[in-house]
N, C-alpha and C. Protein backbone atom coordinates (compact mmCIF):
# COMPACT_ATOMS: atom_id res chain seq x y z
N MET A 1 99.83 99.12 101.19
CA MET A 1 99.04 98.47 100.21
C MET A 1 98.30 97.05 100.60
N HIS A 2 97.87 96.69 100.03
CA HIS A 2 96.85 95.29 100.68
C HIS A 2 96.77 95.06 99.08
N VAL A 3 96.92 93.34 99.30
CA VAL A 3 96.11 92.86 98.35
C VAL A 3 95.96 91.56 98.53
N ASN A 4 94.34 91.97 98.20
CA ASN A 4 93.36 91.02 98.64
C ASN A 4 92.75 90.16 97.17
N PRO A 5 92.55 88.40 97.96
CA PRO A 5 91.89 87.57 96.33
C PRO A 5 89.88 88.64 96.57
N TYR A 6 89.10 88.60 95.64
CA TYR A 6 88.48 88.30 95.15
C TYR A 6 88.10 87.79 94.40
N LEU A 7 86.73 86.78 95.36
CA LEU A 7 86.74 85.72 95.21
C LEU A 7 84.68 86.33 93.99
N SER A 8 84.48 85.11 92.70
CA SER A 8 83.50 85.25 92.22
C SER A 8 82.56 84.09 93.11
N PHE A 9 81.07 83.84 92.46
CA PHE A 9 80.13 82.99 93.15
C PHE A 9 78.98 83.27 92.68
N ASP A 10 78.19 81.31 91.93
CA ASP A 10 77.46 81.64 91.73
C ASP A 10 75.92 81.95 92.66
N GLY A 11 75.66 82.51 93.11
CA GLY A 11 74.82 82.94 94.22
C GLY A 11 74.80 81.74 95.30
N GLN A 12 76.32 81.78 96.32
CA GLN A 12 76.72 81.49 97.23
C GLN A 12 77.27 81.77 97.87
N CYS A 13 78.08 83.43 98.24
CA CYS A 13 78.32 83.75 98.41
C CYS A 13 78.60 84.09 99.36
N GLU A 14 77.40 84.14 100.20
CA GLU A 14 77.01 83.77 101.72
C GLU A 14 77.15 83.36 102.13
N ALA A 15 76.97 81.91 102.04
CA ALA A 15 77.12 80.70 102.62
C ALA A 15 78.39 80.15 102.26
N ALA A 16 79.54 80.72 101.45
CA ALA A 16 80.23 80.03 101.50
C ALA A 16 81.26 80.92 103.11
N PHE A 17 81.40 82.61 102.88
CA PHE A 17 81.89 83.35 104.20
C PHE A 17 81.22 82.92 104.88
N MET A 18 80.45 82.51 105.12
CA MET A 18 80.13 81.48 106.49
C MET A 18 80.36 80.11 107.34
N PHE A 19 80.69 79.61 105.77
CA PHE A 19 81.47 78.47 106.09
C PHE A 19 82.96 78.63 106.17
N TYR A 20 83.87 79.19 105.74
CA TYR A 20 84.50 79.62 105.79
C TYR A 20 84.72 79.79 107.34
N ALA A 21 84.30 81.14 107.55
CA ALA A 21 84.85 81.70 109.25
C ALA A 21 84.04 80.31 109.86
N ARG A 22 83.65 79.71 110.06
CA ARG A 22 82.72 78.52 110.56
C ARG A 22 84.51 77.45 110.55
N VAL A 23 84.93 77.13 109.60
CA VAL A 23 85.92 75.74 109.34
C VAL A 23 86.86 77.13 109.63
N MET A 24 87.20 78.03 109.66
CA MET A 24 88.79 78.38 110.14
C MET A 24 89.10 78.92 110.72
N GLY A 25 87.44 79.80 111.65
CA GLY A 25 87.55 80.50 112.70
C GLY A 25 88.27 82.55 112.60
N GLY A 26 87.26 82.54 111.25
CA GLY A 26 86.93 83.64 110.46
C GLY A 26 85.91 84.96 111.42
N GLN A 27 85.86 85.44 110.74
CA GLN A 27 84.26 86.73 110.80
C GLN A 27 84.22 87.03 109.67
N VAL A 28 83.00 86.82 109.47
CA VAL A 28 82.19 87.12 108.56
C VAL A 28 82.30 89.10 108.76
N GLY A 29 82.61 89.76 107.19
CA GLY A 29 82.35 91.48 107.59
C GLY A 29 80.76 91.60 106.59
N THR A 30 80.68 92.73 106.79
CA THR A 30 79.78 93.67 106.49
C THR A 30 79.35 92.82 104.74
N ILE A 31 78.42 92.58 104.85
CA ILE A 31 77.63 91.92 103.35
C ILE A 31 76.50 93.25 102.76
N PHE A 32 76.99 93.70 101.18
CA PHE A 32 75.86 94.34 100.53
C PHE A 32 75.23 93.20 99.61
N ARG A 33 73.90 93.92 99.10
CA ARG A 33 73.33 93.27 99.03
C ARG A 33 72.78 93.96 97.38
N TYR A 34 72.65 93.40 96.13
CA TYR A 34 72.10 94.23 95.50
C TYR A 34 70.55 94.61 95.46
N ALA A 35 69.38 94.20 96.86
CA ALA A 35 68.37 95.27 96.57
C ALA A 35 69.15 96.47 97.42
N GLY A 36 68.08 97.46 96.57
CA GLY A 36 68.46 99.02 96.80
C GLY A 36 69.96 99.62 96.85
N THR A 37 70.25 98.95 95.09
CA THR A 37 71.74 99.70 94.56
C THR A 37 71.71 100.08 93.20
N PRO A 38 72.40 100.46 93.02
CA PRO A 38 72.41 101.17 90.91
C PRO A 38 72.08 99.26 90.51
N LEU A 39 72.72 98.59 91.01
CA LEU A 39 73.27 97.47 90.56
C LEU A 39 71.93 96.74 90.59
N THR A 40 70.48 97.07 91.51
CA THR A 40 69.54 95.63 91.66
C THR A 40 69.36 95.47 90.02
N HIS A 41 69.10 96.47 89.37
CA HIS A 41 68.62 96.23 87.56
C HIS A 41 69.13 95.95 86.98
N GLN A 42 70.30 94.46 87.44
CA GLN A 42 71.21 94.33 86.43
C GLN A 42 71.26 92.45 87.29
N VAL A 43 70.73 92.21 87.95
CA VAL A 43 70.48 90.82 88.32
C VAL A 43 69.21 90.27 87.76
N PRO A 44 68.77 89.75 87.56
CA PRO A 44 67.06 89.12 88.02
C PRO A 44 66.80 89.28 89.62
N ALA A 45 65.22 89.63 89.06
CA ALA A 45 64.57 89.55 90.51
C ALA A 45 64.81 88.83 91.85
N ASP A 46 65.00 87.73 91.48
CA ASP A 46 65.35 86.29 91.93
C ASP A 46 67.11 86.16 92.55
N TRP A 47 67.40 87.55 92.48
CA TRP A 47 68.98 87.62 93.37
C TRP A 47 69.13 89.22 93.94
N HIS A 48 68.22 89.78 93.82
CA HIS A 48 68.02 91.29 94.55
C HIS A 48 68.62 90.97 95.86
N ASP A 49 68.50 89.28 96.64
CA ASP A 49 69.17 89.20 98.21
C ASP A 49 70.58 88.70 98.30
N LYS A 50 71.13 88.47 96.84
CA LYS A 50 72.39 88.38 96.65
C LYS A 50 73.19 89.05 96.84
N VAL A 51 74.72 88.37 97.00
CA VAL A 51 76.17 89.13 98.02
C VAL A 51 76.35 90.16 96.74
N MET A 52 76.33 91.33 96.51
CA MET A 52 76.74 92.53 95.68
C MET A 52 78.44 92.80 96.52
N HIS A 53 78.30 92.51 97.25
CA HIS A 53 80.11 92.83 97.72
C HIS A 53 79.92 92.28 99.34
N GLY A 54 81.10 91.36 99.92
CA GLY A 54 81.00 90.86 101.51
C GLY A 54 82.34 90.52 101.57
N SER A 55 83.04 90.13 102.36
CA SER A 55 84.51 89.65 103.02
C SER A 55 84.10 88.93 104.19
N VAL A 56 84.88 87.62 104.22
CA VAL A 56 85.41 87.55 105.55
C VAL A 56 86.73 87.48 105.33
N THR A 57 86.85 86.68 106.49
CA THR A 57 88.37 87.63 107.48
C THR A 57 89.05 86.59 107.83
N VAL A 58 90.16 85.58 107.71
CA VAL A 58 90.50 84.29 108.30
C VAL A 58 91.64 84.33 108.34
N GLY A 59 92.17 83.84 109.32
CA GLY A 59 94.09 83.86 109.14
C GLY A 59 93.88 85.27 108.88
N GLY A 60 94.16 86.22 109.90
CA GLY A 60 94.00 87.81 109.40
C GLY A 60 94.25 87.74 107.45
N MET A 61 93.78 87.46 107.17
CA MET A 61 93.65 87.75 105.81
C MET A 61 92.12 88.41 105.40
N GLU A 62 92.19 89.09 104.17
CA GLU A 62 90.63 89.63 104.55
C GLU A 62 90.26 88.20 102.47
N LEU A 63 88.86 88.02 102.52
CA LEU A 63 89.27 87.47 101.28
C LEU A 63 87.43 88.46 101.36
N MET A 64 87.62 88.76 99.45
CA MET A 64 86.31 89.87 99.61
C MET A 64 86.10 89.23 98.60
N GLY A 65 84.47 88.74 98.61
CA GLY A 65 83.71 88.47 96.82
C GLY A 65 82.54 89.24 96.51
N ALA A 66 81.99 88.85 95.58
CA ALA A 66 80.20 88.93 95.23
C ALA A 66 79.87 87.61 94.41
N ASP A 67 78.64 87.71 93.96
CA ASP A 67 77.66 86.96 94.04
C ASP A 67 77.68 87.49 92.02
N VAL A 68 78.12 86.57 91.37
CA VAL A 68 77.96 87.19 90.36
C VAL A 68 76.25 86.37 89.32
N ALA A 69 75.94 88.03 88.50
CA ALA A 69 74.62 87.00 87.75
C ALA A 69 74.96 86.24 87.09
N PRO A 70 74.27 85.25 86.82
CA PRO A 70 74.71 84.31 86.05
C PRO A 70 74.34 83.87 84.84
N ASP A 71 74.30 85.25 84.17
CA ASP A 71 74.64 85.70 82.83
C ASP A 71 76.66 86.25 82.42
N GLY A 72 76.54 86.42 83.86
CA GLY A 72 78.07 86.72 83.89
C GLY A 72 79.55 85.87 84.37
N TYR A 73 78.34 84.75 85.33
CA TYR A 73 79.35 84.68 86.21
C TYR A 73 80.24 83.48 85.43
N GLN A 74 81.48 82.84 86.00
CA GLN A 74 82.49 82.13 85.27
C GLN A 74 83.11 81.66 86.99
N ALA A 75 83.00 80.45 86.56
CA ALA A 75 83.91 79.27 87.33
C ALA A 75 85.43 80.19 87.56
N PRO A 76 85.57 80.06 89.13
CA PRO A 76 87.05 80.40 89.27
C PRO A 76 87.78 79.37 88.40
N LYS A 77 89.28 79.19 87.71
CA LYS A 77 90.13 79.08 87.75
C LYS A 77 91.55 79.77 87.21
N GLY A 78 92.73 78.71 87.65
CA GLY A 78 94.30 79.86 87.17
C GLY A 78 94.05 80.08 88.19
N PHE A 79 93.92 79.69 90.25
CA PHE A 79 94.83 80.29 90.89
C PHE A 79 93.79 79.00 92.33
N SER A 80 94.35 78.95 93.10
CA SER A 80 94.02 79.04 94.48
C SER A 80 94.17 79.04 96.05
N LEU A 81 93.25 79.23 96.68
CA LEU A 81 93.95 80.01 98.33
C LEU A 81 94.77 78.86 98.10
N SER A 82 95.65 79.42 99.66
CA SER A 82 96.53 78.48 99.98
C SER A 82 96.78 79.10 101.57
N ILE A 83 97.06 77.52 101.58
CA ILE A 83 96.46 78.15 103.84
C ILE A 83 97.95 76.92 104.29
N ASN A 84 98.57 77.59 105.28
CA ASN A 84 99.54 76.59 105.49
C ASN A 84 99.75 76.88 107.02
N LEU A 85 99.47 75.40 107.72
CA LEU A 85 99.74 75.41 109.04
C LEU A 85 100.90 74.89 109.71
N THR A 86 100.54 74.93 110.64
CA THR A 86 102.19 74.16 111.73
C THR A 86 101.47 72.77 112.73
N ASP A 87 100.32 72.77 112.27
CA ASP A 87 99.78 71.98 113.08
C ASP A 87 98.90 70.54 112.32
N SER A 88 99.18 69.60 112.29
CA SER A 88 99.19 68.59 111.88
C SER A 88 97.67 67.94 111.46
N SER A 89 96.90 68.48 113.01
CA SER A 89 95.32 67.92 113.16
C SER A 89 95.45 69.08 112.80
N GLU A 90 94.80 69.80 112.61
CA GLU A 90 94.67 71.21 112.50
C GLU A 90 94.23 71.36 111.04
N ALA A 91 95.47 70.83 110.43
CA ALA A 91 95.70 70.38 108.78
C ALA A 91 94.27 69.76 108.31
N GLU A 92 94.70 68.30 108.82
CA GLU A 92 93.36 67.55 108.45
C GLU A 92 91.89 68.06 109.07
N ARG A 93 91.44 68.47 110.04
CA ARG A 93 91.01 69.50 110.11
C ARG A 93 89.63 69.62 109.24
N ILE A 94 90.93 70.81 108.33
CA ILE A 94 90.64 71.93 107.33
C ILE A 94 90.04 70.93 106.30
N PHE A 95 91.37 70.28 105.74
CA PHE A 95 90.92 70.06 104.69
C PHE A 95 89.78 68.82 104.45
N GLN A 96 89.51 68.25 105.84
CA GLN A 96 88.34 66.99 105.33
C GLN A 96 86.86 68.69 105.62
N GLU A 97 86.80 69.16 106.15
CA GLU A 97 85.81 69.89 105.90
C GLU A 97 85.80 70.74 104.63
N LEU A 98 86.63 71.71 104.09
CA LEU A 98 86.57 72.23 103.18
C LEU A 98 86.49 70.98 101.68
N GLY A 99 86.44 69.73 102.11
CA GLY A 99 87.14 68.96 101.08
C GLY A 99 84.98 68.06 100.97
N ALA A 100 84.51 68.43 102.20
CA ALA A 100 83.16 67.74 101.61
C ALA A 100 82.66 68.07 101.16
N GLY A 101 81.79 67.42 100.41
CA GLY A 101 80.79 68.23 98.94
C GLY A 101 81.24 68.29 97.73
N GLY A 102 82.52 68.49 97.59
CA GLY A 102 83.30 69.05 96.93
C GLY A 102 84.48 68.18 96.28
N GLN A 103 85.77 68.62 96.28
CA GLN A 103 86.23 67.37 94.78
C GLN A 103 87.63 67.52 95.95
N ILE A 104 88.11 66.35 96.24
CA ILE A 104 89.83 66.38 96.43
C ILE A 104 90.85 66.11 94.98
N VAL A 105 91.40 67.12 95.23
CA VAL A 105 92.73 66.69 93.70
C VAL A 105 94.04 65.94 94.29
N MET A 106 94.24 66.15 95.32
CA MET A 106 95.29 65.37 95.92
C MET A 106 94.86 65.48 97.16
N PRO A 107 95.10 64.19 97.97
CA PRO A 107 94.36 63.64 98.77
C PRO A 107 96.03 64.46 99.81
N LEU A 108 95.35 64.25 101.12
CA LEU A 108 96.55 65.38 102.44
C LEU A 108 97.68 64.27 102.76
N GLU A 109 98.98 64.97 102.33
CA GLU A 109 99.42 63.47 102.89
C GLU A 109 101.42 64.02 102.65
N HIS A 110 101.69 63.24 102.88
CA HIS A 110 103.41 63.55 103.62
C HIS A 110 104.29 64.13 101.79
N THR A 111 104.64 64.90 102.09
CA THR A 111 105.36 65.41 100.80
C THR A 111 107.22 65.70 100.76
N PHE A 112 108.19 66.01 100.18
CA PHE A 112 109.24 66.26 100.32
C PHE A 112 109.00 67.23 101.45
N TRP A 113 108.25 68.39 100.87
CA TRP A 113 108.29 69.09 100.58
C TRP A 113 107.33 70.18 102.51
N ALA A 114 106.65 69.20 102.88
CA ALA A 114 105.31 69.17 103.57
C ALA A 114 105.04 68.02 104.33
N ASP A 115 105.03 68.23 106.02
CA ASP A 115 103.96 66.57 106.30
C ASP A 115 103.04 66.52 105.98
N ARG A 116 102.24 67.37 105.55
CA ARG A 116 101.18 66.75 104.50
C ARG A 116 101.18 67.94 103.89
N PHE A 117 100.83 67.90 102.49
CA PHE A 117 100.25 68.83 101.69
C PHE A 117 99.07 68.14 101.05
N GLY A 118 97.98 68.71 100.75
CA GLY A 118 96.57 68.50 99.80
C GLY A 118 96.32 69.28 98.63
N MET A 119 95.78 69.47 97.61
CA MET A 119 95.37 70.48 97.15
C MET A 119 93.53 69.68 97.08
N LEU A 120 92.26 70.83 96.95
CA LEU A 120 90.88 70.64 97.20
C LEU A 120 89.88 70.86 96.01
N VAL A 121 88.72 71.09 95.69
CA VAL A 121 88.02 72.25 95.02
C VAL A 121 86.63 72.59 95.67
N ASP A 122 86.68 73.07 96.29
CA ASP A 122 85.69 72.98 97.94
C ASP A 122 83.97 72.85 96.88
N ARG A 123 82.94 73.07 97.84
CA ARG A 123 81.38 72.77 97.22
C ARG A 123 80.97 74.31 96.79
N PHE A 124 82.10 74.97 97.10
CA PHE A 124 81.38 75.78 95.93
C PHE A 124 82.49 76.96 95.51
N GLY A 125 83.07 75.78 94.53
CA GLY A 125 83.90 76.07 93.52
C GLY A 125 85.30 77.06 93.30
N MET A 126 85.84 76.77 94.95
CA MET A 126 87.01 77.95 95.14
C MET A 126 88.11 76.54 95.51
N SER A 127 89.34 76.56 94.54
CA SER A 127 90.58 75.88 94.44
C SER A 127 91.22 76.16 95.93
N TRP A 128 90.81 74.74 96.47
CA TRP A 128 92.60 75.14 98.25
C TRP A 128 93.51 74.72 97.73
N MET A 129 95.32 74.90 98.39
CA MET A 129 95.84 73.89 98.80
C MET A 129 96.22 73.87 100.33
N ILE A 130 96.81 73.08 100.68
CA ILE A 130 96.56 73.10 102.24
C ILE A 130 98.32 72.25 102.32
N ASN A 131 98.62 73.51 102.99
CA ASN A 131 100.16 73.10 103.33
C ASN A 131 100.52 73.18 105.04
N CYS A 132 101.03 72.19 105.12
CA CYS A 132 101.89 71.88 106.90
C CYS A 132 102.84 71.00 107.04
N GLY A 133 104.02 72.24 107.90
CA GLY A 133 104.68 71.20 108.38
C GLY A 133 105.69 71.46 106.73
N SER A 134 107.31 71.37 107.51
CA SER A 134 108.38 71.05 106.87
C SER A 134 109.06 70.03 105.67
N GLY A 135 108.52 69.02 106.11
CA GLY A 135 108.50 67.47 104.99
C GLY A 135 109.68 67.04 105.86
N GLU A 136 109.96 67.25 106.78
CA GLU A 136 111.46 66.72 107.25
C GLU A 136 110.73 65.38 107.87
N ALA A 137 109.84 65.00 108.60
CA ALA A 137 109.20 63.96 109.21
C ALA A 137 108.31 63.10 107.96
N ALA A 138 109.11 62.25 107.80
CA ALA A 138 108.24 60.94 107.42
C ALA A 138 106.91 60.66 107.93
């Protein structure tokens, strides 16, 4: 059995997956568009090229997702994607890149459990937690 996060976007799924692949050294998988599928008529005409289903693999985890038509889209809430790293400079880089154009919820800083921990919502509306190291060093 595999459990995979399935992310809903408001029309920016492809851009988000390309961004995640670039920032985290991942690979974008197959992208299926609404055009030519039985769902074509369930989205506005200007959405036919949007993502009906797609995926991106980062750090050995496959994230899946789609663009949800405007009348059905709900902003993500109640979960975060968590990235665990061992390299502080890589944690800083990923935090800065994911946070650009988004909202920093908690700055990346030393905590009692981690050398670096921070939380943000990226420009695509996804919530992330970045966790690095054990927190033993101040």
